[in-house]
Structure formats: structure tokens, C-alpha cells
PDB file of N, CA and C in Angstrom:
ATOM      1  N   MET A   1     190.210 136.716 176.381  1.00  0.00           N
ATOM      2  CA  MET A   1     189.186 137.511 177.102  1.00  0.00           C
ATOM      3  C   MET A   1     189.210 137.019 178.286  1.00  0.00           C
ATOM      4  N   ALA A   2     189.266 138.312 178.216  1.00  0.00           N
ATOM      5  CA  ALA A   2     189.828 137.670 180.255  1.00  0.00           C
ATOM      6  C   ALA A   2     188.868 137.349 180.897  1.00  0.00           C
ATOM      7  N   ALA A   3     188.772 136.383 182.344  1.00  0.00           N
ATOM      8  CA  ALA A   3     187.751 136.516 183.355  1.00  0.00           C
ATOM      9  C   ALA A   3     187.166 137.021 184.057  1.00  0.00           C
ATOM     10  N   THR A   4     186.318 136.408 184.585  1.00  0.00           N
ATOM     11  CA  THR A   4     185.566 137.522 185.698  1.00  0.00           C
ATOM     12  C   THR A   4     185.889 136.538 186.500  1.00  0.00           C
ATOM     13  N   SER A   5     185.958 138.114 187.780  1.00  0.00           N
ATOM     14  CA  SER A   5     186.436 137.721 189.123  1.00  0.00           C
ATOM     15  C   SER A   5     184.945 136.398 189.975  1.00  0.00           C
ATOM     16  N   ASP A   6     183.998 136.685 189.001  1.00  0.00           N
ATOM     17  CA  ASP A   6     183.575 135.095 189.171  1.00  0.00           C
ATOM     18  C   ASP A   6     184.593 133.761 189.162  1.00  0.00           C
ATOM     19  N   GLN A   7     184.427 133.525 187.682  1.00  0.00           N
ATOM     20  CA  GLN A   7     184.656 132.245 186.857  1.00  0.00           C
ATOM     21  C   GLN A   7     186.300 132.425 188.177  1.00  0.00           C
ATOM     22  N   ALA A   8     187.593 133.697 188.527  1.00  0.00           N
ATOM     23  CA  ALA A   8     188.781 133.134 188.914  1.00  0.00           C
ATOM     24  C   ALA A   8     189.213 132.542 190.007  1.00  0.00           C
ATOM     25  N   GLN A   9     187.470 132.373 191.163  1.00  0.00           N
ATOM     26  CA  GLN A   9     187.383 131.427 191.618  1.00  0.00           C
ATOM     27  C   GLN A   9     187.049 129.982 191.892  1.00  0.00           C
ATOM     28  N   GLN A  10     187.171 129.890 190.734  1.00  0.00           N
ATOM     29  CA  GLN A  10     187.344 128.573 190.290  1.00  0.00           C
ATOM     30  C   GLN A  10     188.716 127.669 189.656  1.00  0.00           C
ATOM     31  N   LEU A  11     189.246 128.920 189.381  1.00  0.00           N
ATOM     32  CA  LEU A  11     190.508 128.305 189.301  1.00  0.00           C
ATOM     33  C   LEU A  11     191.081 127.769 190.515  1.00  0.00           C
ATOM     34  N   LEU A  12     192.230 126.978 190.034  1.00  0.00           N
ATOM     35  CA  LEU A  12     192.968 126.558 191.598  1.00  0.00           C
ATOM     36  C   LEU A  12     194.511 127.268 190.591  1.00  0.00           C
ATOM     37  N   ASN A  13     195.510 126.827 191.274  1.00  0.00           N
ATOM     38  CA  ASN A  13     196.716 126.771 190.953  1.00  0.00           C
ATOM     39  C   ASN A  13     197.788 125.635 191.863  1.00  0.00           C
ATOM     40  N   PHE A  14     198.146 124.286 190.498  1.00  0.00           N
ATOM     41  CA  PHE A  14     199.230 123.329 190.809  1.00  0.00           C
ATOM     42  C   PHE A  14     199.960 123.687 191.695  1.00  0.00           C
ATOM     43  N   VAL A  15     200.452 124.151 192.621  1.00  0.00           N
ATOM     44  CA  VAL A  15     201.449 123.864 193.971  1.00  0.00           C
ATOM     45  C   VAL A  15     201.725 122.830 194.424  1.00  0.00           C
ATOM     46  N   ALA A  16     203.324 121.940 194.263  1.00  0.00           N
ATOM     47  CA  ALA A  16     203.757 121.128 195.508  1.00  0.00           C
ATOM     48  C   ALA A  16     202.679 120.051 195.600  1.00  0.00           C
ATOM     49  N   GLY A  17     202.311 119.598 193.699  1.00  0.00           N
ATOM     50  CA  GLY A  17     201.627 118.257 193.680  1.00  0.00           C
ATOM     51  C   GLY A  17     200.350 118.377 194.006  1.00  0.00           C
ATOM     52  N   GLU A  18     199.759 119.944 194.695  1.00  0.00           N
ATOM     53  CA  GLU A  18     198.145 119.458 194.827  1.00  0.00           C
ATOM     54  C   GLU A  18     197.620 120.426 193.728  1.00  0.00           C
ATOM     55  N   TRP A  19     196.211 120.268 193.594  1.00  0.00           N
ATOM     56  CA  TRP A  19     195.509 121.453 192.936  1.00  0.00           C
ATOM     57  C   TRP A  19     195.187 123.108 195.051  1.00  0.00           C
ATOM     58  N   ARG A  20     195.238 123.781 194.743  1.00  0.00           N
ATOM     59  CA  ARG A  20     195.035 124.749 195.193  1.00  0.00           C
ATOM     60  C   ARG A  20     194.148 126.091 194.898  1.00  0.00           C
ATOM     61  N   PRO A  21     193.675 126.129 196.045  1.00  0.00           N
ATOM     62  CA  PRO A  21     193.039 127.868 195.494  1.00  0.00           C
ATOM     63  C   PRO A  21     193.426 129.319 195.858  1.00  0.00           C
ATOM     64  N   SER A  22     194.203 130.076 195.093  1.00  0.00           N
ATOM     65  CA  SER A  22     194.647 131.869 195.780  1.00  0.00           C
ATOM     66  C   SER A  22     194.230 131.700 197.084  1.00  0.00           C
ATOM     67  N   GLY A  23     195.495 131.683 197.603  1.00  0.00           N
ATOM     68  CA  GLY A  23     196.034 132.121 198.628  1.00  0.00           C
ATOM     69  C   GLY A  23     194.685 133.847 199.870  1.00  0.00           C
ATOM     70  N   ALA A  24     194.842 134.620 198.556  1.00  0.00           N
ATOM     71  CA  ALA A  24     193.970 135.402 198.468  1.00  0.00           C
ATOM     72  C   ALA A  24     193.123 135.219 198.283  1.00  0.00           C
ATOM     73  N   GLY A  25     192.134 134.566 197.488  1.00  0.00           N
ATOM     74  CA  GLY A  25     190.706 134.345 197.218  1.00  0.00           C
ATOM     75  C   GLY A  25     191.121 134.972 195.845  1.00  0.00           C
ATOM     76  N   ALA A  26     192.616 135.932 195.272  1.00  0.00           N
ATOM     77  CA  ALA A  26     192.596 136.862 193.796  1.00  0.00           C
ATOM     78  C   ALA A  26     193.272 136.392 192.359  1.00  0.00           C
ATOM     79  N   PHE A  27     193.302 137.197 191.848  1.00  0.00           N
ATOM     80  CA  PHE A  27     194.011 136.756 190.673  1.00  0.00           C
ATOM     81  C   PHE A  27     195.151 137.873 189.897  1.00  0.00           C
ATOM     82  N   GLN A  28     195.923 137.348 189.407  1.00  0.00           N
ATOM     83  CA  GLN A  28     196.397 138.553 187.759  1.00  0.00           C
ATOM     84  C   GLN A  28     196.946 137.731 187.489  1.00  0.00           C
ATOM     85  N   ASP A  29     196.785 138.270 186.017  1.00  0.00           N
ATOM     86  CA  ASP A  29     197.043 137.995 184.820  1.00  0.00           C
ATOM     87  C   ASP A  29     198.814 138.183 184.356  1.00  0.00           C
ATOM     88  N   VAL A  30     200.618 138.261 184.524  1.00  0.00           N
ATOM     89  CA  VAL A  30     200.722 138.638 184.439  1.00  0.00           C
ATOM     90  C   VAL A  30     201.911 139.582 183.194  1.00  0.00           C
ATOM     91  N   VAL A  31     201.612 139.785 183.188  1.00  0.00           N
ATOM     92  CA  VAL A  31     201.627 140.342 181.703  1.00  0.00           C
ATOM     93  C   VAL A  31     203.359 140.938 180.267  1.00  0.00           C
ATOM     94  N   ASN A  32     204.235 140.384 181.701  1.00  0.00           N
ATOM     95  CA  ASN A  32     205.556 140.468 181.103  1.00  0.00           C
ATOM     96  C   ASN A  32     206.060 139.272 180.207  1.00  0.00           C
ATOM     97  N   PRO A  33     205.394 137.800 180.801  1.00  0.00           N
ATOM     98  CA  PRO A  33     206.427 137.387 180.347  1.00  0.00           C
ATOM     99  C   PRO A  33     204.775 135.473 179.300  1.00  0.00           C
ATOM    100  N   ALA A  34     204.068 137.006 178.845  1.00  0.00           N
ATOM    101  CA  ALA A  34     203.193 136.279 178.581  1.00  0.00           C
ATOM    102  C   ALA A  34     203.155 136.212 176.858  1.00  0.00           C
ATOM    103  N   THR A  35     202.431 135.090 176.141  1.00  0.00           N
ATOM    104  CA  THR A  35     202.816 135.493 175.465  1.00  0.00           C
ATOM    105  C   THR A  35     202.014 136.155 174.769  1.00  0.00           C
ATOM    106  N   ALA A  36     201.856 136.455 173.121  1.00  0.00           N
ATOM    107  CA  ALA A  36     201.274 137.446 172.660  1.00  0.00           C
ATOM    108  C   ALA A  36     199.492 136.007 172.808  1.00  0.00           C
ATOM    109  N   GLU A  37     199.249 134.908 172.556  1.00  0.00           N
ATOM    110  CA  GLU A  37     198.589 134.267 172.711  1.00  0.00           C
ATOM    111  C   GLU A  37     197.985 134.046 174.286  1.00  0.00           C
ATOM    112  N   VAL A  38     198.794 133.924 174.936  1.00  0.00           N
ATOM    113  CA  VAL A  38     197.411 134.299 176.074  1.00  0.00           C
ATOM    114  C   VAL A  38     197.021 136.274 175.918  1.00  0.00           C
ATOM    115  N   LEU A  39     198.067 137.333 176.604  1.00  0.00           N
ATOM    116  CA  LEU A  39     197.802 138.600 175.604  1.00  0.00           C
ATOM    117  C   LEU A  39     195.947 138.601 175.057  1.00  0.00           C
ATOM    118  N   ALA A  40     196.117 137.772 174.403  1.00  0.00           N
ATOM    119  CA  ALA A  40     194.596 138.236 173.110  1.00  0.00           C
ATOM    120  C   ALA A  40     194.057 137.490 174.225  1.00  0.00           C
ATOM    121  N   ALA A  41     193.876 136.387 174.184  1.00  0.00           N
ATOM    122  CA  ALA A  41     193.216 135.330 175.979  1.00  0.00           C
ATOM    123  C   ALA A  41     192.457 136.813 176.900  1.00  0.00           C
ATOM    124  N   VAL A  42     193.482 136.745 177.073  1.00  0.00           N
ATOM    125  CA  VAL A  42     192.700 138.143 178.472  1.00  0.00           C
ATOM    126  C   VAL A  42     192.676 139.416 178.855  1.00  0.00           C
ATOM    127  N   VAL A  43     193.244 140.161 177.664  1.00  0.00           N
ATOM    128  CA  VAL A  43     192.540 141.205 177.395  1.00  0.00           C
ATOM    129  C   VAL A  43     190.891 141.542 176.671  1.00  0.00           C
ATOM    130  N   ASP A  44     190.343 141.542 177.071  1.00  0.00           N
ATOM    131  CA  ASP A  44     189.745 141.952 176.374  1.00  0.00           C
ATOM    132  C   ASP A  44     188.946 142.879 175.246  1.00  0.00           C
ATOM    133  N   GLY A  45     188.323 142.766 173.691  1.00  0.00           N
ATOM    134  CA  GLY A  45     189.377 143.319 172.195  1.00  0.00           C
ATOM    135  C   GLY A  45     190.617 143.936 171.772  1.00  0.00           C
ATOM    136  N   LEU A  46     191.159 142.603 172.577  1.00  0.00           N
ATOM    137  CA  LEU A  46     192.623 142.428 171.224  1.00  0.00           C
ATOM    138  C   LEU A  46     193.389 141.959 170.892  1.00  0.00           C
ATOM    139  N   ASP A  47     193.362 141.270 169.559  1.00  0.00           N
ATOM    140  CA  ASP A  47     192.871 140.489 168.397  1.00  0.00           C
ATOM    141  C   ASP A  47     194.630 140.689 168.756  1.00  0.00           C
ATOM    142  N   LEU A  48     195.043 138.942 167.692  1.00  0.00           N
ATOM    143  CA  LEU A  48     196.173 138.198 167.773  1.00  0.00           C
ATOM    144  C   LEU A  48     196.639 138.595 167.545  1.00  0.00           C
ATOM    145  N   ASP A  49     196.710 139.932 165.494  1.00  0.00           N
ATOM    146  CA  ASP A  49     198.429 141.182 165.014  1.00  0.00           C
ATOM    147  C   ASP A  49     198.783 141.853 166.726  1.00  0.00           C
ATOM    148  N   SER A  50     197.852 142.334 167.250  1.00  0.00           N
ATOM    149  CA  SER A  50     197.653 143.789 167.745  1.00  0.00           C
ATOM    150  C   SER A  50     198.600 143.472 169.430  1.00  0.00           C
ATOM    151  N   ALA A  51     198.201 142.038 169.382  1.00  0.00           N
ATOM    152  CA  ALA A  51     198.968 141.200 170.548  1.00  0.00           C
ATOM    153  C   ALA A  51     200.136 140.567 170.116  1.00  0.00           C
ATOM    154  N   ARG A  52     200.502 140.291 169.568  1.00  0.00           N
ATOM    155  CA  ARG A  52     201.299 140.275 168.833  1.00  0.00           C
ATOM    156  C   ARG A  52     202.894 141.557 168.084  1.00  0.00           C
ATOM    157  N   ALA A  53     202.591 142.502 168.318  1.00  0.00           N
ATOM    158  CA  ALA A  53     202.731 143.746 167.718  1.00  0.00           C
ATOM    159  C   ALA A  53     203.599 144.713 169.640  1.00  0.00           C
ATOM    160  N   ILE A  54     202.887 144.338 170.639  1.00  0.00           N
ATOM    161  CA  ILE A  54     203.080 144.778 171.375  1.00  0.00           C
ATOM    162  C   ILE A  54     203.941 143.336 172.308  1.00  0.00           C
ATOM    163  N   VAL A  55     203.752 142.472 171.824  1.00  0.00           N
ATOM    164  CA  VAL A  55     205.479 141.196 172.400  1.00  0.00           C
ATOM    165  C   VAL A  55     206.461 142.214 172.095  1.00  0.00           C
ATOM    166  N   ALA A  56     206.666 141.926 170.714  1.00  0.00           N
ATOM    167  CA  ALA A  56     207.613 143.114 170.289  1.00  0.00           C
ATOM    168  C   ALA A  56     208.209 144.116 170.946  1.00  0.00           C
ATOM    169  N   ARG A  57     207.749 145.264 171.416  1.00  0.00           N
ATOM    170  CA  ARG A  57     207.955 146.454 171.961  1.00  0.00           C
ATOM    171  C   ARG A  57     208.642 145.376 172.908  1.00  0.00           C
ATOM    172  N   ARG A  58     207.337 144.677 173.876  1.00  0.00           N
ATOM    173  CA  ARG A  58     208.134 144.223 175.084  1.00  0.00           C
ATOM    174  C   ARG A  58     209.528 142.958 175.222  1.00  0.00           C
ATOM    175  N   GLU A  59     209.950 142.676 173.720  1.00  0.00           N
ATOM    176  CA  GLU A  59     211.517 142.079 174.143  1.00  0.00           C
ATOM    177  C   GLU A  59     212.434 143.653 173.489  1.00  0.00           C
ATOM    178  N   ARG A  60     211.830 144.823 173.818  1.00  0.00           N
ATOM    179  CA  ARG A  60     213.231 146.016 173.388  1.00  0.00           C
ATOM    180  C   ARG A  60     213.465 145.941 175.482  1.00  0.00           C
ATOM    181  N   THR A  61     211.740 146.380 175.932  1.00  0.00           N
ATOM    182  CA  THR A  61     211.805 146.828 176.777  1.00  0.00           C
ATOM    183  C   THR A  61     210.143 146.066 177.938  1.00  0.00           C
ATOM    184  N   THR A  62     210.779 145.540 178.811  1.00  0.00           N
ATOM    185  CA  THR A  62     209.897 144.893 179.078  1.00  0.00           C
ATOM    186  C   THR A  62     209.309 145.733 180.341  1.00  0.00           C
ATOM    187  N   TYR A  63     207.937 145.239 180.810  1.00  0.00           N
ATOM    188  CA  TYR A  63     207.408 146.692 181.737  1.00  0.00           C
ATOM    189  C   TYR A  63     206.898 146.638 182.875  1.00  0.00           C
ATOM    190  N   ARG A  64     207.957 147.652 183.546  1.00  0.00           N
ATOM    191  CA  ARG A  64     207.810 148.257 185.026  1.00  0.00           C
ATOM    192  C   ARG A  64     206.768 148.836 184.732  1.00  0.00           C
ATOM    193  N   ALA A  65     205.812 149.006 185.118  1.00  0.00           N
ATOM    194  CA  ALA A  65     204.337 149.467 186.120  1.00  0.00           C
ATOM    195  C   ALA A  65     203.518 148.751 184.590  1.00  0.00           C
ATOM    196  N   VAL A  66     202.185 148.689 185.395  1.00  0.00           N
ATOM    197  CA  VAL A  66     201.505 147.976 184.704  1.00  0.00           C
ATOM    198  C   VAL A  66     200.630 149.729 183.621  1.00  0.00           C
ATOM    199  N   SER A  67     200.772 150.162 184.061  1.00  0.00           N
ATOM    200  CA  SER A  67     200.436 150.940 182.936  1.00  0.00           C
ATOM    201  C   SER A  67     201.023 152.111 181.792  1.00  0.00           C
ATOM    202  N   ASP A  68     202.699 151.104 181.500  1.00  0.00           N
ATOM    203  CA  ASP A  68     203.773 150.828 181.002  1.00  0.00           C
ATOM    204  C   ASP A  68     202.923 149.489 179.751  1.00  0.00           C
ATOM    205  N   PHE A  69     202.229 148.225 180.145  1.00  0.00           N
ATOM    206  CA  PHE A  69     201.988 147.748 178.659  1.00  0.00           C
ATOM    207  C   PHE A  69     200.826 148.252 178.478  1.00  0.00           C
ATOM    208  N   THR A  70     199.030 149.423 179.475  1.00  0.00           N
ATOM    209  CA  THR A  70     198.339 149.177 179.055  1.00  0.00           C
ATOM    210  C   THR A  70     198.347 150.697 178.604  1.00  0.00           C
ATOM    211  N   SER A  71     199.402 151.619 177.764  1.00  0.00           N
ATOM    212  CA  SER A  71     199.609 152.406 177.315  1.00  0.00           C
ATOM    213  C   SER A  71     199.952 152.502 175.881  1.00  0.00           C
ATOM    214  N   GLN A  72     200.481 150.307 175.555  1.00  0.00           N
ATOM    215  CA  GLN A  72     200.540 149.983 174.798  1.00  0.00           C
ATOM    216  C   GLN A  72     199.524 149.449 174.107  1.00  0.00           C
ATOM    217  N   LEU A  73     198.313 149.340 174.271  1.00  0.00           N
ATOM    218  CA  LEU A  73     196.241 148.899 173.901  1.00  0.00           C
ATOM    219  C   LEU A  73     196.117 149.212 172.773  1.00  0.00           C
ATOM    220  N   PRO A  74     195.714 148.834 171.908  1.00  0.00           N
ATOM    221  CA  PRO A  74     194.664 149.548 171.274  1.00  0.00           C
ATOM    222  C   PRO A  74     193.916 150.263 171.970  1.00  0.00           C
ATOM    223  N   GLY A  75     192.989 151.270 171.627  1.00  0.00           N
ATOM    224  CA  GLY A  75     191.313 152.260 171.973  1.00  0.00           C
ATOM    225  C   GLY A  75     190.039 150.097 171.804  1.00  0.00           C
ATOM    226  N   THR A  76     190.549 149.679 170.806  1.00  0.00           N
ATOM    227  CA  THR A  76     189.638 149.104 171.193  1.00  0.00           C
ATOM    228  C   THR A  76     189.458 147.629 172.100  1.00  0.00           C
ATOM    229  N   ALA A  77     190.061 147.935 172.584  1.00  0.00           N
ATOM    230  CA  ALA A  77     190.912 147.017 173.810  1.00  0.00           C
ATOM    231  C   ALA A  77     190.925 147.150 175.687  1.00  0.00           C
ATOM    232  N   SER A  78     190.069 147.101 176.925  1.00  0.00           N
ATOM    233  CA  SER A  78     189.694 146.706 177.794  1.00  0.00           C
ATOM    234  C   SER A  78     190.297 146.149 178.676  1.00  0.00           C
ATOM    235  N   THR A  79     190.683 146.029 180.333  1.00  0.00           N
ATOM    236  CA  THR A  79     191.869 145.570 180.939  1.00  0.00           C
ATOM    237  C   THR A  79     190.717 145.421 182.346  1.00  0.00           C
ATOM    238  N   ALA A  80     189.848 144.210 182.532  1.00  0.00           N
ATOM    239  CA  ALA A  80     189.269 144.636 183.794  1.00  0.00           C
ATOM    240  C   ALA A  80     190.079 145.511 185.207  1.00  0.00           C
ATOM    241  N   ASN A  81     189.978 146.220 186.384  1.00  0.00           N
ATOM    242  CA  ASN A  81     190.895 147.678 187.325  1.00  0.00           C
ATOM    243  C   ASN A  81     191.108 145.380 187.804  1.00  0.00           C
ATOM    244  N   GLY A  82     192.499 145.870 188.422  1.00  0.00           N
ATOM    245  CA  GLY A  82     192.939 146.056 189.290  1.00  0.00           C
ATOM    246  C   GLY A  82     193.336 143.945 189.090  1.00  0.00           C
ATOM    247  N   THR A  83     193.760 143.775 187.465  1.00  0.00           N
ATOM    248  CA  THR A  83     193.616 141.879 187.274  1.00  0.00           C
ATOM    249  C   THR A  83     195.145 142.103 186.549  1.00  0.00           C
ATOM    250  N   LEU A  84     195.666 142.755 185.828  1.00  0.00           N
ATOM    251  CA  LEU A  84     197.397 141.720 185.354  1.00  0.00           C
ATOM    252  C   LEU A  84     197.792 143.191 186.544  1.00  0.00           C
ATOM    253  N   THR A  85     198.967 142.847 186.827  1.00  0.00           N
ATOM    254  CA  THR A  85     200.291 142.482 187.192  1.00  0.00           C
ATOM    255  C   THR A  85     201.594 142.383 185.344  1.00  0.00           C
ATOM    256  N   VAL A  86     203.013 142.940 186.764  1.00  0.00           N
ATOM    257  CA  VAL A  86     204.468 142.551 185.508  1.00  0.00           C
ATOM    258  C   VAL A  86     205.570 141.754 186.348  1.00  0.00           C
ATOM    259  N   GLY A  87     204.881 141.540 187.401  1.00  0.00           N
ATOM    260  CA  GLY A  87     205.350 140.807 188.505  1.00  0.00           C
ATOM    261  C   GLY A  87     205.012 139.505 188.700  1.00  0.00           C
ATOM    262  N   SER A  88     205.705 138.510 188.521  1.00  0.00           N
ATOM    263  CA  SER A  88     205.300 137.570 189.784  1.00  0.00           C
ATOM    264  C   SER A  88     205.746 136.674 191.096  1.00  0.00           C
ATOM    265  N   ASP A  89     205.704 136.647 191.254  1.00  0.00           N
ATOM    266  CA  ASP A  89     206.790 135.650 192.795  1.00  0.00           C
ATOM    267  C   ASP A  89     206.917 134.167 191.975  1.00  0.00           C
ATOM    268  N   TYR A  90     206.836 133.829 190.908  1.00  0.00           N
ATOM    269  CA  TYR A  90     207.490 132.270 190.583  1.00  0.00           C
ATOM    270  C   TYR A  90     208.383 132.310 189.708  1.00  0.00           C
ATOM    271  N   PHE A  91     208.791 131.769 189.411  1.00  0.00           N
ATOM    272  CA  PHE A  91     209.507 130.584 188.928  1.00  0.00           C
ATOM    273  C   PHE A  91     209.950 130.059 188.388  1.00  0.00           C
ATOM    274  N   VAL A  92     210.057 129.836 187.285  1.00  0.00           N
ATOM    275  CA  VAL A  92     210.812 128.443 186.714  1.00  0.00           C
ATOM    276  C   VAL A  92     212.622 128.432 186.320  1.00  0.00           C
ATOM    277  N   ALA A  93     213.486 127.240 187.429  1.00  0.00           N
ATOM    278  CA  ALA A  93     214.610 127.574 187.492  1.00  0.00           C
ATOM    279  C   ALA A  93     215.311 126.349 186.308  1.00  0.00           C
ATOM    280  N   ASN A  94     216.541 126.396 185.449  1.00  0.00           N
ATOM    281  CA  ASN A  94     216.510 124.834 184.722  1.00  0.00           C
ATOM    282  C   ASN A  94     217.961 124.808 185.203  1.00  0.00           C
ATOM    283  N   VAL A  95     218.564 124.265 185.308  1.00  0.00           N
ATOM    284  CA  VAL A  95     220.239 124.024 185.522  1.00  0.00           C
ATOM    285  C   VAL A  95     220.812 122.383 185.397  1.00  0.00           C
ATOM    286  N   ARG A  96     221.093 122.218 185.271  1.00  0.00           N
ATOM    287  CA  ARG A  96     222.762 121.694 184.396  1.00  0.00           C
ATOM    288  C   ARG A  96     223.323 121.873 184.465  1.00  0.00           C
ATOM    289  N   VAL A  97     224.071 120.437 185.066  1.00  0.00           N
ATOM    290  CA  VAL A  97     225.830 120.457 186.091  1.00  0.00           C
ATOM    291  C   VAL A  97     225.942 119.092 185.695  1.00  0.00           C
ATOM    292  N   THR A  98     227.817 119.693 185.141  1.00  0.00           N
ATOM    293  CA  THR A  98     228.592 118.523 184.938  1.00  0.00           C
ATOM    294  C   THR A  98     230.106 118.195 185.437  1.00  0.00           C
ATOM    295  N   ILE A  99     230.896 117.603 185.379  1.00  0.00           N
ATOM    296  CA  ILE A  99     231.939 117.395 186.945  1.00  0.00           C
ATOM    297  C   ILE A  99     231.913 115.352 186.568  1.00  0.00           C
ATOM    298  N   GLY A 100     233.125 116.517 185.514  1.00  0.00           N
ATOM    299  CA  GLY A 100     233.584 114.933 185.002  1.00  0.00           C
ATOM    300  C   GLY A 100     233.193 114.729 183.844  1.00  0.00           C
ATOM    301  N   GLY A 101     232.900 113.524 183.228  1.00  0.00           N
ATOM    302  CA  GLY A 101     232.571 112.902 182.904  1.00  0.00           C
ATOM    303  C   GLY A 101     230.329 113.052 182.554  1.00  0.00           C
ATOM    304  N   ALA A 102     230.142 113.251 184.195  1.00  0.00           N
ATOM    305  CA  ALA A 102     228.861 112.779 184.830  1.00  0.00           C
ATOM    306  C   ALA A 102     228.108 114.319 184.157  1.00  0.00           C
ATOM    307  N   GLN A 103     226.647 114.503 184.017  1.00  0.00           N
ATOM    308  CA  GLN A 103     226.032 115.656 183.533  1.00  0.00           C
ATOM    309  C   GLN A 103     224.506 114.924 184.447  1.00  0.00           C
ATOM    310  N   ALA A 104     224.210 116.128 184.989  1.00  0.00           N
ATOM    311  CA  ALA A 104     222.398 116.348 185.216  1.00  0.00           C
ATOM    312  C   ALA A 104     222.576 117.245 185.040  1.00  0.00           C
ATOM    313  N   ARG A 105     220.464 117.177 185.376  1.00  0.00           N
ATOM    314  CA  ARG A 105     220.160 118.619 184.256  1.00  0.00           C
ATOM    315  C   ARG A 105     217.983 118.709 185.308  1.00  0.00           C
ATOM    316  N   GLY A 106     218.091 119.290 185.926  1.00  0.00           N
ATOM    317  CA  GLY A 106     217.223 118.788 186.764  1.00  0.00           C
ATOM    318  C   GLY A 106     216.040 120.676 186.629  1.00  0.00           C
ATOM    319  N   ILE A 107     214.771 120.573 187.069  1.00  0.00           N
ATOM    320  CA  ILE A 107     213.991 122.132 186.301  1.00  0.00           C
ATOM    321  C   ILE A 107     212.867 122.236 187.867  1.00  0.00           C
ATOM    322  N   ALA A 108     213.373 123.310 187.797  1.00  0.00           N
ATOM    323  CA  ALA A 108     212.312 123.284 190.025  1.00  0.00           C
ATOM    324  C   ALA A 108     210.757 124.727 189.696  1.00  0.00           C
ATOM    325  N   LEU A 109     210.397 124.413 190.996  1.00  0.00           N
ATOM    326  CA  LEU A 109     209.324 126.185 190.525  1.00  0.00           C
ATOM    327  C   LEU A 109     209.857 126.541 192.278  1.00  0.00           C
ATOM    328  N   LEU A 110     210.048 127.687 191.890  1.00  0.00           N
ATOM    329  CA  LEU A 110     210.746 128.185 192.750  1.00  0.00           C
ATOM    330  C   LEU A 110     209.106 129.449 193.147  1.00  0.00           C
ATOM    331  N   GLN A 111     209.296 129.945 194.205  1.00  0.00           N
ATOM    332  CA  GLN A 111     207.635 130.681 194.809  1.00  0.00           C
ATOM    333  C   GLN A 111     209.125 131.513 195.292  1.00  0.00           C
ATOM    334  N   ARG A 112     209.051 133.271 195.151  1.00  0.00           N
ATOM    335  CA  ARG A 112     209.282 133.963 196.401  1.00  0.00           C
ATOM    336  C   ARG A 112     209.105 134.027 197.618  1.00  0.00           C
ATOM    337  N   GLY A 113     210.417 134.299 198.661  1.00  0.00           N
ATOM    338  CA  GLY A 113     210.495 134.281 199.765  1.00  0.00           C
ATOM    339  C   GLY A 113     209.657 135.917 200.445  1.00  0.00           C
ATOM    340  N   PRO A 114     208.934 135.297 201.773  1.00  0.00           N
ATOM    341  CA  PRO A 114     209.560 137.449 202.286  1.00  0.00           C
ATOM    342  C   PRO A 114     210.782 138.058 202.753  1.00  0.00           C
ATOM    343  N   GLN A 115     211.376 137.187 202.878  1.00  0.00           N
ATOM    344  CA  GLN A 115     212.895 137.527 202.989  1.00  0.00           C
ATOM    345  C   GLN A 115     213.857 137.385 202.055  1.00  0.00           C
ATOM    346  N   GLY A 116     213.263 136.714 201.057  1.00  0.00           N
ATOM    347  CA  GLY A 116     214.348 136.593 199.494  1.00  0.00           C
ATOM    348  C   GLY A 116     214.464 135.900 199.427  1.00  0.00           C
ATOM    349  N   TRP A 117     214.470 134.772 200.504  1.00  0.00           N
ATOM    350  CA  TRP A 117     215.101 133.052 199.750  1.00  0.00           C
ATOM    351  C   TRP A 117     213.953 132.147 199.212  1.00  0.00           C
ATOM    352  N   PRO A 118     213.651 132.271 197.813  1.00  0.00           N
ATOM    353  CA  PRO A 118     213.209 130.996 197.918  1.00  0.00           C
ATOM    354  C   PRO A 118     212.361 129.666 198.125  1.00  0.00           C
ATOM    355  N   ALA A 119     211.579 129.195 198.183  1.00  0.00           N
ATOM    356  CA  ALA A 119     210.849 128.006 198.528  1.00  0.00           C
ATOM    357  C   ALA A 119     210.527 127.984 197.276  1.00  0.00           C
ATOM    358  N   ILE A 120     211.104 126.113 197.560  1.00  0.00           N
ATOM    359  CA  ILE A 120     210.923 125.041 195.678  1.00  0.00           C
ATOM    360  C   ILE A 120     209.952 124.555 195.862  1.00  0.00           C
ATOM    361  N   LEU A 121     208.953 124.606 195.330  1.00  0.00           N
ATOM    362  CA  LEU A 121     207.594 123.978 195.234  1.00  0.00           C
ATOM    363  C   LEU A 121     207.469 122.704 194.588  1.00  0.00           C
ATOM    364  N   TRP A 122     208.752 123.351 193.667  1.00  0.00           N
ATOM    365  CA  TRP A 122     208.382 121.263 193.446  1.00  0.00           C
ATOM    366  C   TRP A 122     209.964 121.504 192.267  1.00  0.00           C
ATOM    367  N   ARG A 123     210.547 119.981 192.549  1.00  0.00           N
ATOM    368  CA  ARG A 123     211.474 119.882 191.210  1.00  0.00           C
ATOM    369  C   ARG A 123     212.065 118.243 190.866  1.00  0.00           C
ATOM    370  N   LYS A 124     212.649 118.169 189.921  1.00  0.00           N
ATOM    371  CA  LYS A 124     212.765 117.247 189.260  1.00  0.00           C
ATOM    372  C   LYS A 124     214.179 117.322 188.596  1.00  0.00           C
ATOM    373  N   VAL A 125     214.837 115.584 188.828  1.00  0.00           N
ATOM    374  CA  VAL A 125     215.506 115.321 188.252  1.00  0.00           C
ATOM    375  C   VAL A 125     216.439 114.804 187.544  1.00  0.00           C
ATOM    376  N   SER A 126     216.875 114.872 186.815  1.00  0.00           N
ATOM    377  CA  SER A 126     217.099 113.929 184.921  1.00  0.00           C
ATOM    378  C   SER A 126     218.536 113.025 185.167  1.00  0.00           C
TER     379      SER A 126
END
């Protein structure tokens, strides 16, 4: 079931080691990388089998617009206006570096910046 605006105000984002409210006070569910289980949870009337079929179709072509996604929904499913998006400003980067016999791995959460350079919100090196 999709969250209502009252529920969304209670949600926080974990950014740079702290739980923070949305900067805009709003929320959006990103449908491109979402699993079938997530889609079934955020779209009213979308059962898990239908969500799995949508994810299988998305593997061939990602959605360029929200209308690309909503056109795939069965007639029983509905979404709240303005709560979906097909893009994200947040990305996870996995890195592995090997120099000679030494190896290092890392993971970082990046946020797209206004001038195109990402900000590193958190990172872990092992």
C-alpha cells in the first residue's frame, strides 16, 4: 500500500550517519530499481505476481517517464499523484582496487550534486 502524506512526514532518511527529514518535506518512490516486493507495497492494488511481471519487462527497458511505469499497471492498481519518480539522486558505488598482491574494497553512498559532481554521504573501506 502506498504511504499517505501524513505517513510520509514521519519517514526519515539516513544520511551521513544521521536520521534526517526530507529537505523538501516530500517523498517519492523510485520505481526503476525497485524490487517486485517494493512495487507491490507502494502501489495500491498491485499484487506481487503483477509486480514481478512489471519488473521482468523493466529488465528489457527501464522507464524514462512515470507514465511508462503507470501504463504497465493493471486496471485494479492506482498510485497517488506525484509520489512516483523514475530517477534518483542517490547511488551506491562499489569499488575494488588491486595493486600487486594487495587488494582493497570499498562502498559509498553518493548524492548527485547541483554541478554534476556527487557528494559522498558515507563510505566504508575494507
